[in-house]
Amino acid sequence: MNMKHFTAALAAAIALTATAKTSTPEGWTDDYDAALKRAAEEKKLVLADFSGSDWCGWCKKLDKEVFVTEEFKKGAADKFVLLMVDSPQDKSLLSDKAKDQNPKLVKKYDVNGFPTVLILDEKGEVVAQTGYQKGGPVKYLQMLESKVKTEGDPEYRKVVKPLVDKAKAAQEAFEKGVEKSQRTMMVRALRKNLPGLKKALAELEATEVDEKFKAGKEEAIAPLAEMVKDIEKFLKENEPKKPAKKANAKPGEKAADAKAAE
């Protein structure tokens, strides 16, 4: 083998190694823009798998049972462009493009759980959404086809999408309400107990020790001091907003308001 052939073989080996290191399965792409472009050219839909390949149990199960099987890839080939949008803990599993692109896609499509599987049109609009389904590749392909026929129908989307959005908005409002209530309860509890914590800190700080023990004293007190600091910061950030004071109305305005109320 001459040097030219050796260099080419080495470059190919390096390329194969780099490809193998990513979490994108064979037959899939991790390039969102390229997937949409190909979908438009081939008149297909994009099947986007939002996964957590190295930590999400259900994602691993879906990959093993469905997405990496030859049966699924062959069955999906004439209908879908397969796109992997991974959010692994080990970022070395991502290509440079995916490292930048994937968090933006998670935010764009408001993905809150994994696995989330979206069927997208060539413009990136969501046609249908699903996730893990047991039964293997054939059953999964049948489920996807059914979703495309129903949720992909413009009339269906016109009627059902507003209902889905309304249900989602109600759920989000509920979750925000619960979070607000929990925060309010936490603020009350912290305000009640902070004085005792600060008193204990002050007593510890006032305790006199020999010079040779001062470093140990400071090390012992530091976590408590940091806790007090964090609590005070949290309470400041969550100060209840005081209602704006209403300017005193003139006598004539009061009379007008009273008359309007009648």
Protein backbone atom coordinates (compact mmCIF):
# COMPACT_ATOMS: atom_id res chain seq x y z
CA MET A 1 0.00 0.00 0.00
CA ASN A 2 1.49 3.34 -1.02
CA MET A 3 1.35 6.46 1.16
CA LYS A 4 -1.57 7.96 -0.79
CA HIS A 5 -3.74 4.86 -0.31
CA PHE A 6 -2.71 4.59 3.34
CA THR A 7 -3.70 8.20 3.99
CA ALA A 8 -7.09 7.69 2.32
CA ALA A 9 -7.73 4.51 4.33
CA LEU A 10 -6.74 6.25 7.56
CA ALA A 11 -9.09 9.17 6.82
CA ALA A 12 -11.93 6.74 6.13
CA ALA A 13 -11.27 4.89 9.37
CA ILE A 14 -11.29 8.15 11.33
CA ALA A 15 -14.56 9.18 9.67
CA LEU A 16 -16.16 5.84 10.55
CA THR A 17 -14.97 6.14 14.14
CA ALA A 18 -16.40 9.66 14.41
CA THR A 19 -19.75 8.51 13.02
CA ALA A 20 -19.89 5.56 15.39
CA LYS A 21 -19.36 7.84 18.36
CA THR A 22 -22.60 9.75 17.79
CA SER A 23 -25.93 8.51 19.10
CA THR A 24 -27.68 8.87 15.73
CA PRO A 25 -28.65 5.36 14.51
CA GLU A 26 -27.75 4.15 11.05
CA GLY A 27 -30.37 5.27 8.54
CA TRP A 28 -31.20 8.39 10.59
CA THR A 29 -29.90 11.95 10.37
CA ASP A 30 -29.27 14.51 13.09
CA ASP A 31 -29.47 17.47 10.67
CA TYR A 32 -32.86 19.21 11.02
CA ASP A 33 -32.52 21.54 8.03
CA ALA A 34 -31.30 18.73 5.78
CA ALA A 35 -34.21 16.53 6.91
CA LEU A 36 -36.77 19.21 6.00
CA LYS A 37 -35.09 19.82 2.65
CA ARG A 38 -35.09 16.12 1.83
CA ALA A 39 -38.73 15.79 2.93
CA ALA A 40 -39.70 18.57 0.51
CA GLU A 41 -37.71 17.06 -2.35
CA GLU A 42 -39.02 13.52 -1.82
CA LYS A 43 -42.55 14.54 -0.75
CA LYS A 44 -42.23 12.82 2.61
CA LEU A 45 -42.83 13.68 6.23
CA VAL A 46 -40.14 13.98 8.90
CA LEU A 47 -40.24 11.62 11.86
CA ALA A 48 -38.37 13.41 14.66
CA ASP A 49 -37.37 11.35 17.68
CA PHE A 50 -36.66 13.60 20.69
CA SER A 51 -34.63 11.26 22.87
CA GLY A 52 -32.32 11.03 25.86
CA SER A 53 -30.28 8.15 24.50
CA ASP A 54 -27.94 7.54 27.44
CA TRP A 55 -30.27 8.16 30.41
CA CYS A 56 -33.94 7.76 29.39
CA GLY A 57 -35.17 4.20 29.93
CA TRP A 58 -38.24 4.51 27.71
CA CYS A 59 -36.12 6.07 24.94
CA LYS A 60 -33.75 3.11 25.04
CA LYS A 61 -36.72 0.74 24.97
CA LEU A 62 -38.28 2.49 21.96
CA ASP A 63 -34.95 2.49 20.10
CA LYS A 64 -34.32 -1.19 20.76
CA GLU A 65 -37.85 -2.40 20.03
CA VAL A 66 -38.61 -0.16 17.05
CA PHE A 67 -36.32 2.53 15.68
CA VAL A 68 -33.07 0.61 15.16
CA THR A 69 -34.77 -2.45 13.65
CA GLU A 70 -34.38 -3.06 9.92
CA GLU A 71 -38.10 -3.82 9.74
CA PHE A 72 -38.97 -0.31 10.91
CA LYS A 73 -36.38 1.47 8.76
CA LYS A 74 -37.53 -0.39 5.63
CA GLY A 75 -41.21 0.23 6.40
CA ALA A 76 -40.62 3.92 7.08
CA ALA A 77 -38.31 4.55 4.12
CA ASP A 78 -41.01 5.50 1.59
CA LYS A 79 -42.97 7.70 4.01
CA PHE A 80 -40.55 9.40 6.41
CA VAL A 81 -37.19 11.09 6.71
CA LEU A 82 -35.87 9.88 10.06
CA LEU A 83 -34.47 12.62 12.32
CA MET A 84 -32.77 12.03 15.68
CA VAL A 85 -32.91 14.95 18.14
CA ASP A 86 -30.94 13.63 21.09
CA SER A 87 -30.41 15.24 24.51
CA PRO A 88 -27.87 12.93 26.13
CA GLN A 89 -25.96 13.61 29.32
CA ASP A 90 -22.77 12.74 27.47
CA LYS A 91 -22.51 15.54 24.89
CA SER A 92 -19.70 13.72 23.08
CA LEU A 93 -22.46 11.53 21.62
CA LEU A 94 -23.59 14.51 19.52
CA SER A 95 -22.14 15.96 16.34
CA ASP A 96 -21.05 19.59 16.53
CA LYS A 97 -24.18 20.62 14.63
CA ALA A 98 -26.47 18.67 16.96
CA LYS A 99 -24.85 20.19 20.06
CA ASP A 100 -25.95 23.63 18.87
CA GLN A 101 -29.19 22.63 17.16
CA ASN A 102 -30.88 20.16 19.51
CA PRO A 103 -31.50 22.41 22.56
CA LYS A 104 -33.06 24.96 20.21
CA LEU A 105 -35.37 22.31 18.72
CA VAL A 106 -36.40 21.09 22.19
CA LYS A 107 -37.38 24.68 23.02
CA LYS A 108 -38.98 25.36 19.62
CA TYR A 109 -41.29 22.35 19.88
CA ASP A 110 -41.83 22.72 23.65
CA VAL A 111 -40.67 19.17 24.38
CA ASN A 112 -41.13 18.47 28.09
CA GLY A 113 -40.76 14.70 28.21
CA PHE A 114 -38.78 11.93 26.54
CA PRO A 115 -39.25 10.17 24.27
CA THR A 116 -41.38 12.60 22.27
CA VAL A 117 -41.92 11.63 18.66
CA LEU A 118 -43.15 14.33 16.27
CA ILE A 119 -44.30 13.95 12.70
CA LEU A 120 -43.41 17.14 10.83
CA ASP A 121 -44.24 18.41 7.37
CA GLU A 122 -41.59 19.86 5.04
CA LYS A 123 -42.00 23.28 6.68
CA GLY A 124 -41.39 21.90 10.16
CA GLU A 125 -45.01 22.19 11.24
CA VAL A 126 -46.26 19.49 13.62
CA VAL A 127 -48.64 17.06 11.95
CA ALA A 128 -48.91 14.59 14.83
CA GLN A 129 -47.28 13.65 18.11
CA THR A 130 -46.70 10.36 19.90
CA GLY A 131 -44.14 8.59 22.06
CA TYR A 132 -43.40 5.07 23.21
CA GLN A 133 -45.84 2.41 22.02
CA LYS A 134 -45.33 -1.27 22.70
CA GLY A 135 -45.86 -3.91 20.05
CA GLY A 136 -42.76 -3.71 17.88
CA PRO A 137 -42.00 -2.09 14.52
CA VAL A 138 -45.02 -3.25 12.52
CA LYS A 139 -47.54 -2.05 15.08
CA TYR A 140 -45.64 1.23 15.49
CA LEU A 141 -45.70 1.86 11.72
CA GLN A 142 -49.44 1.17 11.67
CA MET A 143 -49.95 3.64 14.52
CA LEU A 144 -47.93 6.32 12.69
CA GLU A 145 -49.92 5.80 9.48
CA SER A 146 -53.18 6.12 11.41
CA LYS A 147 -51.99 9.35 13.06
CA VAL A 148 -51.00 10.85 9.70
CA LYS A 149 -54.44 10.05 8.26
CA THR A 150 -56.31 11.54 11.20
CA GLU A 151 -54.19 14.28 12.76
CA GLY A 152 -52.71 15.12 9.36
CA ASP A 153 -56.15 15.83 7.92
CA PRO A 154 -56.56 19.65 7.70
CA GLU A 155 -60.21 19.44 8.83
CA TYR A 156 -59.29 17.25 11.76
CA ARG A 157 -56.54 19.63 12.78
CA LYS A 158 -58.86 22.60 12.41
CA VAL A 159 -61.37 21.09 14.82
CA VAL A 160 -59.16 19.19 17.24
CA LYS A 161 -56.06 21.40 17.50
CA PRO A 162 -57.91 24.22 19.33
CA LEU A 163 -59.18 21.64 21.83
CA VAL A 164 -55.67 20.26 22.34
CA ASP A 165 -54.29 23.78 22.78
CA LYS A 166 -57.03 24.64 25.27
CA ALA A 167 -56.40 21.47 27.28
CA LYS A 168 -52.66 22.17 27.27
CA ALA A 169 -53.23 25.76 28.39
CA ALA A 170 -55.46 24.55 31.25
CA GLN A 171 -52.78 22.07 32.33
CA GLU A 172 -50.05 24.72 32.23
CA ALA A 173 -52.24 27.16 34.21
CA PHE A 174 -52.83 24.48 36.83
CA GLU A 175 -49.12 23.66 37.09
CA LYS A 176 -48.21 27.35 37.40
CA GLY A 177 -50.88 27.77 40.10
CA VAL A 178 -49.50 24.83 42.06
CA GLU A 179 -45.95 26.14 41.67
CA LYS A 180 -47.04 29.58 42.87
CA SER A 181 -48.82 28.09 45.90
CA GLN A 182 -45.76 26.00 46.75
CA ARG A 183 -43.53 29.04 46.42
CA THR A 184 -45.85 31.07 48.66
CA MET A 185 -45.81 28.34 51.32
CA MET A 186 -42.03 28.07 51.08
CA VAL A 187 -41.60 31.84 51.44
CA ARG A 188 -43.76 31.82 54.58
CA ALA A 189 -41.81 28.91 56.07
CA LEU A 190 -38.46 30.50 55.29
CA ARG A 191 -39.50 33.86 56.73
CA LYS A 192 -40.66 32.12 59.91
CA ASN A 193 -37.49 30.09 60.41
CA LEU A 194 -34.81 32.43 59.07
CA PRO A 195 -34.46 34.47 62.30
CA GLY A 196 -33.54 31.33 64.27
CA LEU A 197 -30.99 30.37 61.62
CA LYS A 198 -29.43 33.84 61.64
CA LYS A 199 -29.31 33.82 65.45
CA ALA A 200 -27.45 30.51 65.44
CA LEU A 201 -25.04 31.87 62.84
CA ALA A 202 -24.42 35.02 64.88
CA GLU A 203 -23.71 32.95 68.01
CA LEU A 204 -21.26 30.76 66.12
CA GLU A 205 -19.52 33.78 64.62
CA ALA A 206 -19.23 35.36 68.10
CA THR A 207 -17.65 32.23 69.58
CA GLU A 208 -14.00 32.96 70.36
CA VAL A 209 -11.37 30.36 69.55
CA ASP A 210 -7.58 30.31 69.54
CA GLU A 211 -5.86 31.62 66.44
CA LYS A 212 -4.86 28.13 65.34
CA PHE A 213 -8.54 27.05 65.28
CA LYS A 214 -9.93 30.06 63.38
CA ALA A 215 -9.59 28.45 59.95
CA GLY A 216 -11.50 25.40 61.20
CA LYS A 217 -14.19 27.62 62.71
CA GLU A 218 -14.65 29.52 59.45
CA GLU A 219 -14.84 26.27 57.50
CA ALA A 220 -17.48 24.92 59.90
CA ILE A 221 -19.59 28.09 59.71
CA ALA A 222 -19.27 28.68 55.94
CA PRO A 223 -22.11 26.32 54.81
CA LEU A 224 -24.53 27.92 57.30
CA ALA A 225 -23.54 31.43 56.21
CA GLU A 226 -24.02 30.45 52.55
CA MET A 227 -27.44 29.02 53.38
CA VAL A 228 -28.52 32.25 55.07
CA LYS A 229 -27.27 34.22 52.08
CA ASP A 230 -29.17 32.01 49.62
CA ILE A 231 -32.40 32.21 51.64
CA GLU A 232 -32.20 35.99 51.87
CA LYS A 233 -31.63 36.18 48.11
CA PHE A 234 -34.61 33.87 47.45
CA LEU A 235 -36.89 35.89 49.73
CA LYS A 236 -35.82 39.13 48.07
CA GLU A 237 -36.55 37.72 44.61
CA ASN A 238 -39.97 36.55 45.77
CA GLU A 239 -41.07 39.66 47.61
CA PRO A 240 -44.85 40.09 47.20
CA LYS A 241 -45.63 42.96 44.90
CA LYS A 242 -47.24 45.84 46.72
CA PRO A 243 -50.39 47.20 45.04
CA ALA A 244 -49.87 50.60 43.47
CA LYS A 245 -51.32 53.39 45.56
CA LYS A 246 -54.29 55.05 43.94
CA ALA A 247 -54.03 58.79 43.80
CA ASN A 248 -56.64 60.59 45.91
CA ALA A 249 -59.58 61.57 43.73
CA LYS A 250 -60.88 65.08 43.74
CA PRO A 251 -64.33 65.71 45.27
CA GLY A 252 -65.90 66.09 41.83
CA GLU A 253 -64.39 62.82 40.62
CA LYS A 254 -65.69 60.97 43.70
CA ALA A 255 -69.20 62.19 43.00
CA ALA A 256 -68.94 61.16 39.37
CA ASP A 257 -67.71 57.70 40.35
CA ALA A 258 -70.56 57.27 42.83
CA LYS A 259 -73.11 58.34 40.22
CA ALA A 260 -71.62 55.93 37.66
CA ALA A 261 -71.82 53.10 40.20
CA GLU A 262 -75.54 53.77 40.67
